[in-house]
Amino acid sequence: MNHILTRYGSFKAMPYEFEILLEHAGTAEEVYEMEVQFKTEMHQFHYKPQISFNGSISECYTELTESLQELIE
């Protein structure tokens, strides 16, 4: 719902470097449904980073699914 820089605009909020791979201009509901779908698909690739941040428990993955990679390209 919020832009990534609003959520992670400081080193304290996001202690890792990151790159925006995709911006989607759908409704909040569409984006939420997409997020739930990809989190479910990528469950097997989940990991917990050494340095915690808001979302680190549920939003870190070692790989992306093929369908998400295709959407990004």
Protein backbone atom coordinates (compact mmCIF):
# COMPACT_ATOMS: atom_id res chain seq x y z
CA MET A 1 0.00 0.00 0.00
CA ASN A 2 2.88 2.37 0.75
CA HIS A 3 5.80 3.12 -1.54
CA ILE A 4 8.91 1.14 -0.65
CA LEU A 5 10.85 4.30 0.24
CA THR A 6 8.12 5.25 2.70
CA ARG A 7 8.40 1.85 4.35
CA TYR A 8 12.19 1.48 4.16
CA GLY A 9 13.49 5.04 3.81
CA SER A 10 16.33 4.76 6.33
CA PHE A 11 19.16 2.36 7.15
CA LYS A 12 17.51 1.59 10.48
CA ALA A 13 14.28 0.58 8.74
CA MET A 14 16.14 -1.44 6.04
CA PRO A 15 19.70 -2.45 6.93
CA TYR A 16 20.31 -4.12 3.54
CA GLU A 17 20.73 -2.79 0.01
CA PHE A 18 17.70 -3.45 -2.17
CA GLU A 19 16.55 -2.95 -5.72
CA ILE A 20 12.99 -2.31 -6.88
CA LEU A 21 12.26 -5.00 -9.46
CA LEU A 22 8.60 -4.27 -10.18
CA GLU A 23 6.08 -1.53 -9.53
CA HIS A 24 2.44 -2.48 -10.02
CA ALA A 25 -0.24 0.19 -10.37
CA GLY A 26 -3.22 -1.98 -9.42
CA THR A 27 -5.62 -1.47 -6.58
CA ALA A 28 -4.53 -2.23 -3.01
CA GLU A 29 -6.64 -5.40 -3.13
CA GLU A 30 -5.02 -6.58 -6.39
CA VAL A 31 -1.54 -5.96 -5.04
CA TYR A 32 -2.34 -7.73 -1.77
CA GLU A 33 -3.73 -10.77 -3.62
CA MET A 34 -0.64 -10.88 -5.83
CA GLU A 35 1.62 -10.68 -2.78
CA VAL A 36 -0.21 -13.53 -1.03
CA GLN A 37 -0.01 -15.66 -4.19
CA PHE A 38 3.75 -15.17 -4.61
CA LYS A 39 4.50 -15.64 -0.91
CA THR A 40 2.64 -18.95 -1.06
CA GLU A 41 4.48 -20.05 -4.21
CA MET A 42 7.89 -19.10 -2.79
CA HIS A 43 7.37 -20.68 0.63
CA GLN A 44 10.04 -23.31 -0.08
CA PHE A 45 12.63 -20.57 -0.71
CA HIS A 46 11.97 -18.68 2.55
CA TYR A 47 14.84 -17.71 4.83
CA LYS A 48 15.35 -15.47 7.86
CA PRO A 49 18.16 -12.89 7.52
CA GLN A 50 20.67 -12.31 10.33
CA ILE A 51 19.67 -8.66 10.76
CA SER A 52 15.94 -8.25 11.41
CA PHE A 53 13.76 -5.56 9.83
CA ASN A 54 10.04 -5.01 9.38
CA GLY A 55 9.01 -7.86 7.10
CA SER A 56 12.15 -9.96 7.51
CA ILE A 57 10.25 -12.89 8.97
CA SER A 58 7.83 -13.24 6.05
CA GLU A 59 9.34 -11.45 3.03
CA CYS A 60 12.82 -12.89 2.43
CA TYR A 61 13.50 -15.55 -0.17
CA THR A 62 16.58 -17.13 -1.73
CA GLU A 63 14.92 -17.45 -5.16
CA LEU A 64 11.94 -16.18 -7.13
CA THR A 65 9.39 -18.43 -8.77
CA GLU A 66 9.41 -18.68 -12.54
CA SER A 67 6.05 -16.90 -12.80
CA LEU A 68 7.34 -13.96 -10.73
CA GLN A 69 10.54 -13.77 -12.79
CA GLU A 70 8.44 -13.62 -15.96
CA LEU A 71 6.33 -10.79 -14.52
CA ILE A 72 9.46 -8.79 -13.67
CA GLU A 73 11.00 -9.19 -17.15
